[in-house]
C-alpha cells in the first residue's frame, strides 16, 4: 500500500459518494413517505428544518446545516434517549480525535518522516509510522509525550461526558412515566392473580410505598 493507491481509492470513493448523494436528493423528493415517514405519518415529530414536504422539498443539501444545528433537547424530543446517547458518543470520538490531531500531524508525523529514508522504507506509509524511528532514538520521547497527552485528553473528555450523562440520567429518572418503573412478575400464585389481590399483597410487603 502506497500513497498513490490511497489517493486513487479516495478519489474513487469521493465520486461514488457524490453520485449516491445526488441519487438520494432526487429520489427522496419523489418518495417522501419512504425518506421522511415520521413527518408523513405523525406530523410534528420531525425536527424543525428537516421535514420533507412534497410541495416544498427545499434546496439540495438544505438539510445538512439544520441537522448539524440540532441541540440535545430537540434530538431527545424527536429521537429519544438512545439516539441522543449514540450521537453524543460519536461526538465524543470526534472531540478526542480533533484535540489530539494537531499534535499528531504537526509533531509526530514530521518526526517519523525525518527518521524514515527512502532506501530503508520505499513505502510512504512505512516512513510515516513509529516503526521508522530507530531504537533508543531521542526523538522517541515525542511519542511518549503523545501517549500521555492522548491519555489526558481522553480522560478530560470522558469526565465531561460522564457529568453530562449523570444529568441526563437524573432527568430520565425524574420523569413520571409508568414505563420507567414497570417490573415483570412471573410465576404468580393462582390465589394472587388479579390486580386488586396482587396490589394488596405488595402493600403488605412494602407498606406505604
N, C-alpha and C. Protein backbone atom coordinates (compact mmCIF):
# COMPACT_ATOMS: atom_id res chain seq x y z
N UNK A 1 0.85 -1.20 0.00
CA UNK A 1 0.00 0.00 0.00
C UNK A 1 0.88 1.24 0.00
N UNK A 2 0.69 2.12 -0.98
CA UNK A 2 1.46 3.35 -1.03
C UNK A 2 0.51 4.53 -1.14
N UNK A 3 1.09 5.72 -1.13
CA UNK A 3 0.29 6.93 -1.12
C UNK A 3 -0.53 7.08 -2.40
N UNK A 4 0.03 6.69 -3.53
CA UNK A 4 -0.70 6.81 -4.79
C UNK A 4 -1.95 5.94 -4.79
N UNK A 5 -1.84 4.74 -4.25
CA UNK A 5 -3.02 3.86 -4.17
C UNK A 5 -4.09 4.47 -3.30
N UNK A 6 -3.68 5.05 -2.19
CA UNK A 6 -4.66 5.68 -1.28
C UNK A 6 -5.36 6.84 -1.97
N UNK A 7 -4.61 7.65 -2.71
CA UNK A 7 -5.22 8.79 -3.40
C UNK A 7 -6.23 8.32 -4.45
N UNK A 8 -5.87 7.29 -5.20
CA UNK A 8 -6.79 6.76 -6.22
C UNK A 8 -8.06 6.23 -5.58
N UNK A 9 -7.91 5.47 -4.49
CA UNK A 9 -9.09 4.92 -3.81
C UNK A 9 -9.94 6.03 -3.22
N UNK A 10 -9.29 7.05 -2.64
CA UNK A 10 -10.04 8.17 -2.05
C UNK A 10 -10.84 8.92 -3.11
N UNK A 11 -10.23 9.17 -4.27
CA UNK A 11 -10.95 9.86 -5.34
C UNK A 11 -12.11 9.03 -5.87
N UNK A 12 -11.89 7.73 -6.01
CA UNK A 12 -12.97 6.86 -6.48
C UNK A 12 -14.14 6.86 -5.50
N UNK A 13 -13.83 6.78 -4.21
CA UNK A 13 -14.90 6.82 -3.20
C UNK A 13 -15.58 8.18 -3.15
N UNK A 14 -14.82 9.25 -3.41
CA UNK A 14 -15.41 10.58 -3.43
C UNK A 14 -16.44 10.70 -4.54
N UNK A 15 -16.10 10.25 -5.73
CA UNK A 15 -17.04 10.32 -6.85
C UNK A 15 -18.24 9.40 -6.60
N UNK A 16 -17.98 8.25 -6.03
CA UNK A 16 -19.10 7.35 -5.72
C UNK A 16 -20.02 7.99 -4.70
N UNK A 17 -19.46 8.65 -3.70
CA UNK A 17 -20.29 9.32 -2.69
C UNK A 17 -21.11 10.45 -3.28
N UNK A 18 -20.52 11.20 -4.20
CA UNK A 18 -21.25 12.30 -4.84
C UNK A 18 -22.43 11.76 -5.64
N UNK A 19 -22.22 10.67 -6.34
CA UNK A 19 -23.30 10.05 -7.12
C UNK A 19 -24.42 9.57 -6.19
N UNK A 20 -24.05 8.93 -5.09
CA UNK A 20 -25.06 8.42 -4.15
C UNK A 20 -25.87 9.56 -3.55
N UNK A 21 -25.20 10.66 -3.18
CA UNK A 21 -25.91 11.80 -2.62
C UNK A 21 -26.85 12.42 -3.65
N UNK A 22 -26.40 12.50 -4.90
CA UNK A 22 -27.26 13.05 -5.96
C UNK A 22 -28.50 12.18 -6.16
N UNK A 23 -28.32 10.85 -6.17
CA UNK A 23 -29.47 9.96 -6.29
C UNK A 23 -30.40 10.11 -5.10
N UNK A 24 -29.83 10.22 -3.90
CA UNK A 24 -30.64 10.39 -2.70
C UNK A 24 -31.47 11.67 -2.77
N UNK A 25 -30.86 12.77 -3.23
CA UNK A 25 -31.57 14.03 -3.29
C UNK A 25 -32.74 13.98 -4.28
N UNK A 26 -32.56 13.22 -5.37
CA UNK A 26 -33.62 13.12 -6.37
C UNK A 26 -34.73 12.21 -5.90
N UNK A 27 -34.38 11.06 -5.37
CA UNK A 27 -35.38 10.06 -5.00
C UNK A 27 -36.17 10.49 -3.77
N UNK A 28 -35.53 11.13 -2.80
CA UNK A 28 -36.23 11.50 -1.57
C UNK A 28 -37.34 12.52 -1.82
N UNK A 29 -37.21 13.30 -2.89
CA UNK A 29 -38.26 14.26 -3.22
C UNK A 29 -39.46 13.58 -3.88
N UNK A 30 -39.20 12.45 -4.53
CA UNK A 30 -40.29 11.73 -5.19
C UNK A 30 -41.00 10.77 -4.24
N UNK A 31 -40.32 10.31 -3.21
CA UNK A 31 -40.89 9.34 -2.27
C UNK A 31 -40.75 9.86 -0.84
N UNK A 32 -41.47 10.91 -0.49
CA UNK A 32 -41.31 11.48 0.86
C UNK A 32 -41.79 10.54 1.97
N UNK A 33 -42.75 9.65 1.68
CA UNK A 33 -43.24 8.75 2.72
C UNK A 33 -42.20 7.69 3.09
N UNK A 34 -41.26 7.45 2.20
CA UNK A 34 -40.20 6.49 2.48
C UNK A 34 -39.02 7.16 3.17
N UNK A 35 -38.66 8.35 2.70
CA UNK A 35 -37.48 9.03 3.23
C UNK A 35 -37.81 9.98 4.38
N UNK A 36 -39.06 10.23 4.61
CA UNK A 36 -39.47 11.03 5.76
C UNK A 36 -40.78 10.47 6.31
N UNK A 37 -40.77 9.21 6.78
CA UNK A 37 -42.03 8.56 7.18
C UNK A 37 -42.64 9.17 8.43
N UNK A 38 -41.82 9.62 9.38
CA UNK A 38 -42.38 10.18 10.61
C UNK A 38 -43.16 11.45 10.33
N UNK A 39 -42.64 12.28 9.44
CA UNK A 39 -43.33 13.52 9.12
C UNK A 39 -44.61 13.24 8.35
N UNK A 40 -44.61 12.18 7.51
CA UNK A 40 -45.79 11.85 6.72
C UNK A 40 -46.88 11.24 7.58
N UNK A 41 -46.51 10.39 8.56
CA UNK A 41 -47.50 9.68 9.37
C UNK A 41 -47.83 10.42 10.67
N UNK A 42 -46.83 11.09 11.23
CA UNK A 42 -47.03 11.81 12.50
C UNK A 42 -46.43 13.21 12.37
N UNK A 43 -47.17 14.14 11.77
CA UNK A 43 -46.63 15.49 11.58
C UNK A 43 -46.23 16.12 12.92
N UNK A 44 -45.10 16.83 12.88
CA UNK A 44 -44.61 17.49 14.09
C UNK A 44 -43.56 16.71 14.84
N UNK A 45 -43.31 15.46 14.43
CA UNK A 45 -42.32 14.64 15.12
C UNK A 45 -40.94 14.73 14.49
N UNK A 46 -40.83 15.43 13.38
CA UNK A 46 -39.54 15.61 12.71
C UNK A 46 -38.93 16.94 13.17
N UNK A 47 -37.64 17.00 13.42
CA UNK A 47 -37.01 18.25 13.83
C UNK A 47 -37.29 19.38 12.85
N UNK A 48 -37.44 20.56 13.39
CA UNK A 48 -37.73 21.72 12.56
C UNK A 48 -36.58 21.96 11.57
N UNK A 49 -36.95 22.17 10.32
CA UNK A 49 -35.96 22.39 9.28
C UNK A 49 -35.59 21.14 8.53
N UNK A 50 -36.01 19.98 9.03
CA UNK A 50 -35.68 18.72 8.36
C UNK A 50 -36.90 18.06 7.73
N UNK A 51 -38.08 18.60 7.96
CA UNK A 51 -39.30 18.00 7.42
C UNK A 51 -39.27 18.08 5.89
N UNK A 52 -39.64 17.00 5.25
CA UNK A 52 -39.64 16.92 3.80
C UNK A 52 -41.08 16.91 3.32
N UNK A 53 -41.48 17.98 2.70
CA UNK A 53 -42.83 18.08 2.14
C UNK A 53 -42.74 18.03 0.62
N UNK A 54 -43.67 17.33 0.03
CA UNK A 54 -43.64 17.18 -1.43
C UNK A 54 -43.79 18.52 -2.14
N UNK A 55 -44.50 19.47 -1.52
CA UNK A 55 -44.68 20.76 -2.17
C UNK A 55 -43.51 21.69 -1.98
N UNK A 56 -42.71 21.52 -0.92
CA UNK A 56 -41.58 22.40 -0.65
C UNK A 56 -40.40 21.57 -0.17
N UNK A 57 -39.72 20.86 -1.08
CA UNK A 57 -38.64 19.97 -0.67
C UNK A 57 -37.39 20.70 -0.22
N UNK A 58 -37.27 21.99 -0.55
CA UNK A 58 -36.10 22.74 -0.15
C UNK A 58 -34.95 22.58 -1.13
N UNK A 59 -33.88 23.32 -0.87
CA UNK A 59 -32.72 23.29 -1.75
C UNK A 59 -31.94 21.99 -1.56
N UNK A 60 -31.18 21.58 -2.58
CA UNK A 60 -30.34 20.39 -2.42
C UNK A 60 -29.36 20.56 -1.26
N UNK A 61 -29.27 19.54 -0.44
CA UNK A 61 -28.43 19.54 0.75
C UNK A 61 -28.83 20.62 1.76
N UNK A 62 -30.07 21.08 1.62
CA UNK A 62 -30.54 22.09 2.58
C UNK A 62 -30.78 21.54 3.96
N UNK A 63 -30.74 20.23 4.12
CA UNK A 63 -30.96 19.59 5.42
C UNK A 63 -29.68 19.45 6.23
N UNK A 64 -28.53 19.72 5.61
CA UNK A 64 -27.26 19.48 6.30
C UNK A 64 -27.08 20.45 7.47
N UNK A 65 -27.20 21.75 7.21
CA UNK A 65 -26.99 22.73 8.28
C UNK A 65 -28.02 22.60 9.40
N UNK A 66 -29.34 22.46 9.11
CA UNK A 66 -30.29 22.23 10.21
C UNK A 66 -29.97 20.99 11.02
N UNK A 67 -29.46 19.96 10.35
CA UNK A 67 -29.11 18.73 11.07
C UNK A 67 -27.94 18.96 12.02
N UNK A 68 -26.94 19.70 11.56
CA UNK A 68 -25.78 19.97 12.40
C UNK A 68 -26.10 20.92 13.55
N UNK A 69 -27.16 21.71 13.40
CA UNK A 69 -27.51 22.68 14.44
C UNK A 69 -28.48 22.14 15.48
N UNK A 70 -28.88 20.89 15.35
CA UNK A 70 -29.81 20.32 16.32
C UNK A 70 -29.18 20.28 17.70
N UNK A 71 -29.92 20.71 18.71
CA UNK A 71 -29.42 20.64 20.08
C UNK A 71 -29.91 19.35 20.74
N UNK A 72 -29.42 19.11 21.95
CA UNK A 72 -29.75 17.86 22.64
C UNK A 72 -31.24 17.73 22.92
N UNK A 73 -31.88 18.82 23.28
CA UNK A 73 -33.31 18.75 23.60
C UNK A 73 -34.13 18.37 22.38
N UNK A 74 -33.77 18.89 21.22
CA UNK A 74 -34.51 18.57 20.00
C UNK A 74 -34.30 17.11 19.60
N UNK A 75 -33.06 16.63 19.73
CA UNK A 75 -32.79 15.23 19.42
C UNK A 75 -33.54 14.33 20.39
N UNK A 76 -33.57 14.71 21.66
CA UNK A 76 -34.28 13.91 22.66
C UNK A 76 -35.78 13.89 22.38
N UNK A 77 -36.33 15.00 21.94
CA UNK A 77 -37.77 15.07 21.67
C UNK A 77 -38.15 14.20 20.48
N UNK A 78 -37.32 14.21 19.45
CA UNK A 78 -37.67 13.51 18.21
C UNK A 78 -37.13 12.09 18.14
N UNK A 79 -35.99 11.83 18.77
CA UNK A 79 -35.36 10.53 18.63
C UNK A 79 -35.33 9.69 19.88
N UNK A 80 -35.41 10.32 21.05
CA UNK A 80 -35.36 9.57 22.29
C UNK A 80 -33.95 9.49 22.85
N UNK A 81 -33.85 8.79 23.99
CA UNK A 81 -32.59 8.71 24.71
C UNK A 81 -31.54 7.90 23.95
N UNK A 82 -31.94 6.84 23.29
CA UNK A 82 -30.98 6.00 22.58
C UNK A 82 -30.26 6.79 21.48
N UNK A 83 -31.03 7.54 20.71
CA UNK A 83 -30.44 8.33 19.62
C UNK A 83 -29.51 9.40 20.18
N UNK A 84 -29.94 10.05 21.25
CA UNK A 84 -29.13 11.12 21.83
C UNK A 84 -27.81 10.59 22.36
N UNK A 85 -27.84 9.48 23.09
CA UNK A 85 -26.61 8.92 23.65
C UNK A 85 -25.68 8.44 22.53
N UNK A 86 -26.24 7.86 21.49
CA UNK A 86 -25.41 7.40 20.36
C UNK A 86 -24.72 8.58 19.68
N UNK A 87 -25.46 9.65 19.42
CA UNK A 87 -24.87 10.82 18.78
C UNK A 87 -23.82 11.48 19.67
N UNK A 88 -24.07 11.48 20.98
CA UNK A 88 -23.08 12.05 21.90
C UNK A 88 -21.81 11.20 21.91
N UNK A 89 -21.95 9.89 21.77
CA UNK A 89 -20.76 9.03 21.71
C UNK A 89 -19.95 9.31 20.46
N UNK A 90 -20.62 9.48 19.31
CA UNK A 90 -19.91 9.80 18.09
C UNK A 90 -19.24 11.16 18.20
N UNK A 91 -19.92 12.12 18.84
CA UNK A 91 -19.33 13.44 19.05
C UNK A 91 -18.12 13.35 19.97
N UNK A 92 -18.19 12.50 20.99
CA UNK A 92 -17.05 12.30 21.89
C UNK A 92 -15.84 11.78 21.14
N UNK A 93 -16.05 10.84 20.24
CA UNK A 93 -14.94 10.31 19.46
C UNK A 93 -14.30 11.39 18.60
N UNK A 94 -15.11 12.25 18.00
CA UNK A 94 -14.57 13.33 17.19
C UNK A 94 -13.81 14.34 18.03
N UNK A 95 -14.28 14.60 19.24
CA UNK A 95 -13.58 15.55 20.12
C UNK A 95 -12.21 15.02 20.52
N UNK A 96 -12.14 13.73 20.85
CA UNK A 96 -10.85 13.15 21.23
C UNK A 96 -9.89 13.18 20.04
N UNK A 97 -10.37 12.79 18.88
CA UNK A 97 -9.52 12.80 17.69
C UNK A 97 -9.11 14.22 17.33
N UNK A 98 -10.07 15.15 17.33
CA UNK A 98 -9.77 16.52 16.93
C UNK A 98 -8.81 17.23 17.85
N UNK A 99 -8.87 16.92 19.15
CA UNK A 99 -7.98 17.59 20.09
C UNK A 99 -6.56 17.04 20.03
N UNK A 100 -6.39 15.78 19.62
CA UNK A 100 -5.06 15.19 19.55
C UNK A 100 -4.45 15.30 18.16
N UNK A 101 -5.28 15.48 17.14
CA UNK A 101 -4.80 15.50 15.76
C UNK A 101 -3.74 16.57 15.50
N UNK A 102 -3.87 17.80 16.03
CA UNK A 102 -2.82 18.79 15.77
C UNK A 102 -1.44 18.33 16.21
N UNK A 103 -1.35 17.72 17.38
CA UNK A 103 -0.05 17.23 17.85
C UNK A 103 0.46 16.09 16.96
N UNK A 104 -0.45 15.21 16.55
CA UNK A 104 -0.04 14.08 15.72
C UNK A 104 0.47 14.54 14.36
N UNK A 105 -0.25 15.48 13.73
CA UNK A 105 0.14 15.91 12.39
C UNK A 105 1.31 16.90 12.40
N UNK A 106 1.36 17.74 13.44
CA UNK A 106 2.39 18.78 13.47
C UNK A 106 3.70 18.30 14.09
N UNK A 107 3.66 17.28 14.94
CA UNK A 107 4.86 16.84 15.66
C UNK A 107 5.25 15.41 15.28
N UNK A 108 4.33 14.47 15.45
CA UNK A 108 4.70 13.06 15.29
C UNK A 108 4.99 12.69 13.84
N UNK A 109 4.14 13.09 12.93
CA UNK A 109 4.38 12.72 11.53
C UNK A 109 5.68 13.30 10.97
N UNK A 110 6.00 14.58 11.22
CA UNK A 110 7.30 15.08 10.75
C UNK A 110 8.49 14.34 11.37
N UNK A 111 8.36 13.97 12.66
CA UNK A 111 9.45 13.21 13.29
C UNK A 111 9.61 11.85 12.62
N UNK A 112 8.53 11.17 12.40
CA UNK A 112 8.61 9.86 11.73
C UNK A 112 9.18 9.99 10.32
N UNK A 113 8.75 11.03 9.62
CA UNK A 113 9.25 11.23 8.25
C UNK A 113 10.74 11.54 8.24
N UNK A 114 11.23 12.24 9.27
CA UNK A 114 12.65 12.57 9.33
C UNK A 114 13.52 11.35 9.64
N UNK A 115 12.90 10.31 10.20
CA UNK A 115 13.65 9.10 10.54
C UNK A 115 13.65 8.08 9.42
N UNK A 116 12.61 8.07 8.62
CA UNK A 116 12.50 7.05 7.58
C UNK A 116 13.11 7.52 6.28
N UNK A 117 14.01 6.73 5.72
CA UNK A 117 14.67 7.08 4.48
C UNK A 117 14.15 6.19 3.34
N UNK A 118 14.17 6.72 2.16
CA UNK A 118 13.61 6.00 1.03
C UNK A 118 14.29 4.66 0.79
N UNK A 119 15.60 4.59 1.08
CA UNK A 119 16.31 3.34 0.85
C UNK A 119 15.84 2.24 1.79
N UNK A 120 15.56 2.64 3.04
CA UNK A 120 15.12 1.65 4.03
C UNK A 120 13.62 1.42 3.98
N UNK A 121 12.85 2.47 3.64
CA UNK A 121 11.38 2.38 3.63
C UNK A 121 10.87 2.92 2.30
N UNK A 122 10.83 2.10 1.27
CA UNK A 122 10.33 2.58 -0.02
C UNK A 122 8.84 2.92 0.02
N UNK A 123 8.12 2.37 1.00
CA UNK A 123 6.69 2.65 1.11
C UNK A 123 6.49 3.94 1.91
N UNK A 124 5.66 4.84 1.37
CA UNK A 124 5.44 6.13 2.02
C UNK A 124 4.84 5.97 3.40
N UNK A 125 3.91 5.06 3.56
CA UNK A 125 3.26 4.89 4.86
C UNK A 125 4.22 4.35 5.92
N UNK A 126 5.12 3.48 5.50
CA UNK A 126 6.09 2.96 6.47
C UNK A 126 7.00 4.07 6.99
N UNK A 127 7.31 5.03 6.14
CA UNK A 127 8.17 6.13 6.58
C UNK A 127 7.47 7.08 7.54
N UNK A 128 6.15 7.02 7.60
CA UNK A 128 5.39 7.93 8.48
C UNK A 128 4.94 7.25 9.76
N UNK A 129 5.31 6.01 9.99
CA UNK A 129 4.88 5.29 11.18
C UNK A 129 5.97 5.28 12.24
N UNK A 130 5.61 4.82 13.41
CA UNK A 130 6.56 4.74 14.51
C UNK A 130 7.69 3.75 14.22
N UNK A 131 7.42 2.79 13.36
CA UNK A 131 8.44 1.79 13.04
C UNK A 131 9.66 2.40 12.36
N UNK A 132 9.53 3.60 11.81
CA UNK A 132 10.67 4.26 11.15
C UNK A 132 11.65 4.86 12.15
N UNK A 133 11.23 5.04 13.40
CA UNK A 133 12.10 5.63 14.41
C UNK A 133 13.04 4.55 14.94
N UNK A 134 14.36 4.75 14.88
CA UNK A 134 15.29 3.72 15.38
C UNK A 134 15.16 3.51 16.88
N UNK A 135 15.61 2.38 17.34
CA UNK A 135 15.59 2.08 18.77
C UNK A 135 16.52 3.03 19.51
N UNK A 136 16.14 3.42 20.72
CA UNK A 136 16.93 4.31 21.59
C UNK A 136 17.16 5.68 20.97
N UNK A 137 16.32 6.06 20.02
CA UNK A 137 16.44 7.38 19.42
C UNK A 137 15.82 8.43 20.35
N UNK A 138 16.48 9.56 20.59
CA UNK A 138 15.90 10.59 21.49
C UNK A 138 14.54 11.11 21.03
N UNK A 139 14.29 11.01 19.74
CA UNK A 139 13.02 11.51 19.22
C UNK A 139 11.84 10.64 19.65
N UNK A 140 12.12 9.48 20.24
CA UNK A 140 11.06 8.62 20.74
C UNK A 140 10.30 9.27 21.90
N UNK A 141 10.94 10.26 22.55
CA UNK A 141 10.26 10.95 23.65
C UNK A 141 9.02 11.69 23.17
N UNK A 142 9.03 12.11 21.93
CA UNK A 142 7.85 12.80 21.39
C UNK A 142 6.64 11.86 21.37
N UNK A 143 6.87 10.61 21.06
CA UNK A 143 5.78 9.63 21.05
C UNK A 143 5.35 9.30 22.48
N UNK A 144 6.33 9.24 23.38
CA UNK A 144 5.97 9.01 24.79
C UNK A 144 5.11 10.15 25.32
N UNK A 145 5.51 11.38 24.99
CA UNK A 145 4.70 12.53 25.40
C UNK A 145 3.32 12.48 24.76
N UNK A 146 3.27 12.02 23.51
CA UNK A 146 1.98 11.89 22.83
C UNK A 146 1.06 10.91 23.52
N UNK A 147 1.61 9.83 24.06
CA UNK A 147 0.78 8.86 24.80
C UNK A 147 0.17 9.50 26.03
N UNK A 148 0.99 10.26 26.77
CA UNK A 148 0.47 10.94 27.96
C UNK A 148 -0.57 12.00 27.58
N UNK A 149 -0.29 12.71 26.49
CA UNK A 149 -1.22 13.75 26.06
C UNK A 149 -2.55 13.15 25.63
N UNK A 150 -2.50 12.07 24.85
CA UNK A 150 -3.73 11.42 24.40
C UNK A 150 -4.52 10.88 25.59
N UNK A 151 -3.82 10.30 26.56
CA UNK A 151 -4.50 9.78 27.75
C UNK A 151 -5.17 10.91 28.53
N UNK A 152 -4.46 12.03 28.69
CA UNK A 152 -5.03 13.16 29.43
C UNK A 152 -6.24 13.73 28.71
N UNK A 153 -6.14 13.87 27.39
CA UNK A 153 -7.27 14.39 26.63
C UNK A 153 -8.47 13.45 26.69
N UNK A 154 -8.21 12.17 26.60
CA UNK A 154 -9.30 11.19 26.68
C UNK A 154 -9.99 11.24 28.03
N UNK A 155 -9.22 11.30 29.10
CA UNK A 155 -9.80 11.37 30.44
C UNK A 155 -10.60 12.66 30.62
N UNK A 156 -10.09 13.75 30.06
CA UNK A 156 -10.80 15.04 30.16
C UNK A 156 -12.16 14.97 29.48
N UNK A 157 -12.19 14.48 28.25
CA UNK A 157 -13.46 14.41 27.53
C UNK A 157 -14.40 13.37 28.14
N UNK A 158 -13.85 12.27 28.64
CA UNK A 158 -14.70 11.27 29.30
C UNK A 158 -15.32 11.83 30.58
N UNK A 159 -14.55 12.61 31.34
CA UNK A 159 -15.09 13.20 32.57
C UNK A 159 -16.22 14.17 32.24
N UNK A 160 -16.05 14.99 31.22
CA UNK A 160 -17.11 15.92 30.82
C UNK A 160 -18.34 15.17 30.36
N UNK A 161 -18.13 14.11 29.59
CA UNK A 161 -19.28 13.34 29.10
C UNK A 161 -19.97 12.61 30.23
N UNK A 162 -19.21 12.15 31.23
CA UNK A 162 -19.81 11.46 32.37
C UNK A 162 -20.69 12.42 33.17
N UNK A 163 -20.25 13.66 33.34
CA UNK A 163 -21.09 14.64 34.04
C UNK A 163 -22.37 14.92 33.27
N UNK A 164 -22.25 15.01 31.94
CA UNK A 164 -23.46 15.22 31.13
C UNK A 164 -24.39 14.02 31.24
N UNK A 165 -23.82 12.82 31.19
CA UNK A 165 -24.65 11.62 31.26
C UNK A 165 -25.35 11.52 32.61
N UNK A 166 -24.67 11.92 33.69
CA UNK A 166 -25.31 11.89 35.01
C UNK A 166 -26.53 12.79 35.05
N UNK A 167 -26.40 13.99 34.48
CA UNK A 167 -27.55 14.89 34.44
C UNK A 167 -28.68 14.31 33.58
N UNK A 168 -28.33 13.67 32.47
CA UNK A 168 -29.35 13.06 31.62
C UNK A 168 -30.03 11.91 32.35
N UNK A 169 -29.27 11.13 33.10
CA UNK A 169 -29.85 10.02 33.86
C UNK A 169 -30.80 10.53 34.93
N UNK A 170 -30.43 11.58 35.63
CA UNK A 170 -31.32 12.17 36.62
C UNK A 170 -32.59 12.70 35.97
N UNK A 171 -32.43 13.30 34.80
CA UNK A 171 -33.61 13.79 34.07
C UNK A 171 -34.54 12.65 33.70
N UNK A 172 -33.96 11.53 33.30
CA UNK A 172 -34.77 10.36 32.94
C UNK A 172 -35.51 9.80 34.16
N UNK A 173 -34.82 9.73 35.29
CA UNK A 173 -35.42 9.13 36.49
C UNK A 173 -36.51 10.01 37.10
N UNK A 174 -36.44 11.31 36.87
CA UNK A 174 -37.44 12.21 37.45
C UNK A 174 -38.71 12.32 36.60
N UNK A 175 -38.72 11.69 35.43
CA UNK A 175 -39.93 11.73 34.61
C UNK A 175 -40.99 10.80 35.19
N UNK A 176 -42.20 11.29 35.24
CA UNK A 176 -43.31 10.49 35.76
C UNK A 176 -43.94 9.70 34.62
N UNK A 177 -43.29 8.62 34.29
CA UNK A 177 -43.76 7.75 33.21
C UNK A 177 -43.79 6.32 33.74
N UNK A 178 -44.95 5.67 33.60
CA UNK A 178 -45.10 4.32 34.14
C UNK A 178 -44.14 3.33 33.50
N UNK A 179 -43.75 3.58 32.25
CA UNK A 179 -42.85 2.66 31.58
C UNK A 179 -41.46 2.63 32.21
N UNK A 180 -41.10 3.73 32.89
CA UNK A 180 -39.77 3.79 33.50
C UNK A 180 -39.71 3.02 34.81
N UNK A 181 -40.84 2.67 35.37
CA UNK A 181 -40.87 2.00 36.67
C UNK A 181 -41.76 0.75 36.62
N UNK A 182 -41.71 0.04 35.54
CA UNK A 182 -42.52 -1.16 35.36
C UNK A 182 -41.66 -2.40 35.56
N UNK A 183 -42.15 -3.34 36.32
CA UNK A 183 -41.45 -4.60 36.55
C UNK A 183 -42.32 -5.76 36.07
N UNK A 184 -41.67 -6.85 35.74
CA UNK A 184 -42.36 -8.05 35.28
C UNK A 184 -42.34 -9.08 36.40
N UNK A 185 -43.51 -9.51 36.83
CA UNK A 185 -43.64 -10.51 37.88
C UNK A 185 -44.12 -11.80 37.23
N UNK A 186 -43.32 -12.84 37.34
CA UNK A 186 -43.66 -14.13 36.72
C UNK A 186 -43.97 -15.16 37.80
N UNK A 187 -44.59 -16.26 37.38
CA UNK A 187 -44.93 -17.38 38.25
C UNK A 187 -45.74 -16.92 39.47
N UNK A 188 -46.72 -16.10 39.20
CA UNK A 188 -47.60 -15.61 40.27
C UNK A 188 -48.55 -16.72 40.72
N UNK A 189 -48.67 -16.97 42.03
CA UNK A 189 -49.62 -17.99 42.51
C UNK A 189 -51.04 -17.68 42.06
N UNK A 190 -51.84 -18.75 41.89
CA UNK A 190 -53.20 -18.56 41.38
C UNK A 190 -54.05 -17.70 42.30
N UNK A 191 -53.83 -17.81 43.63
CA UNK A 191 -54.66 -17.04 44.55
C UNK A 191 -54.30 -15.55 44.56
N UNK A 192 -53.20 -15.17 43.89
CA UNK A 192 -52.81 -13.76 43.84
C UNK A 192 -52.99 -13.16 42.45
N UNK A 193 -53.50 -13.93 41.53
CA UNK A 193 -53.66 -13.42 40.18
C UNK A 193 -54.88 -12.51 40.12
N UNK A 194 -54.59 -11.27 39.80
CA UNK A 194 -55.63 -10.25 39.78
C UNK A 194 -55.05 -8.94 40.29
N UNK A 195 -55.48 -7.83 39.71
CA UNK A 195 -54.89 -6.55 40.07
C UNK A 195 -55.06 -6.20 41.53
N UNK A 196 -56.29 -6.37 42.06
CA UNK A 196 -56.56 -5.98 43.44
C UNK A 196 -55.81 -6.88 44.43
N UNK A 197 -55.84 -8.19 44.21
CA UNK A 197 -55.17 -9.12 45.13
C UNK A 197 -53.66 -8.95 45.10
N UNK A 198 -53.11 -8.71 43.91
CA UNK A 198 -51.67 -8.51 43.81
C UNK A 198 -51.26 -7.19 44.46
N UNK A 199 -52.08 -6.16 44.31
CA UNK A 199 -51.77 -4.88 44.97
C UNK A 199 -51.81 -5.02 46.49
N UNK A 200 -52.80 -5.77 46.99
CA UNK A 200 -52.88 -5.99 48.44
C UNK A 200 -51.66 -6.74 48.96
N UNK A 201 -51.20 -7.70 48.18
CA UNK A 201 -50.02 -8.49 48.60
C UNK A 201 -48.77 -7.61 48.66
N UNK A 202 -48.57 -6.78 47.66
CA UNK A 202 -47.39 -5.92 47.66
C UNK A 202 -47.50 -4.82 48.72
N UNK A 203 -48.71 -4.39 49.03
CA UNK A 203 -48.86 -3.39 50.10
C UNK A 203 -48.47 -3.99 51.46
N UNK A 204 -48.69 -5.30 51.63
CA UNK A 204 -48.25 -5.94 52.86
C UNK A 204 -46.72 -6.05 52.90
N UNK A 205 -46.11 -6.32 51.73
CA UNK A 205 -44.65 -6.41 51.71
C UNK A 205 -43.98 -5.06 51.86
N UNK A 206 -44.53 -4.07 51.21
CA UNK A 206 -43.93 -2.73 51.23
C UNK A 206 -45.01 -1.71 51.60
N UNK A 207 -45.36 -1.66 52.87
CA UNK A 207 -46.46 -0.77 53.28
C UNK A 207 -46.10 0.71 53.04
N UNK A 208 -47.07 1.40 52.49
CA UNK A 208 -46.91 2.83 52.28
C UNK A 208 -46.03 3.21 51.10
N UNK A 209 -45.65 2.24 50.28
CA UNK A 209 -44.76 2.56 49.14
C UNK A 209 -45.47 2.29 47.82
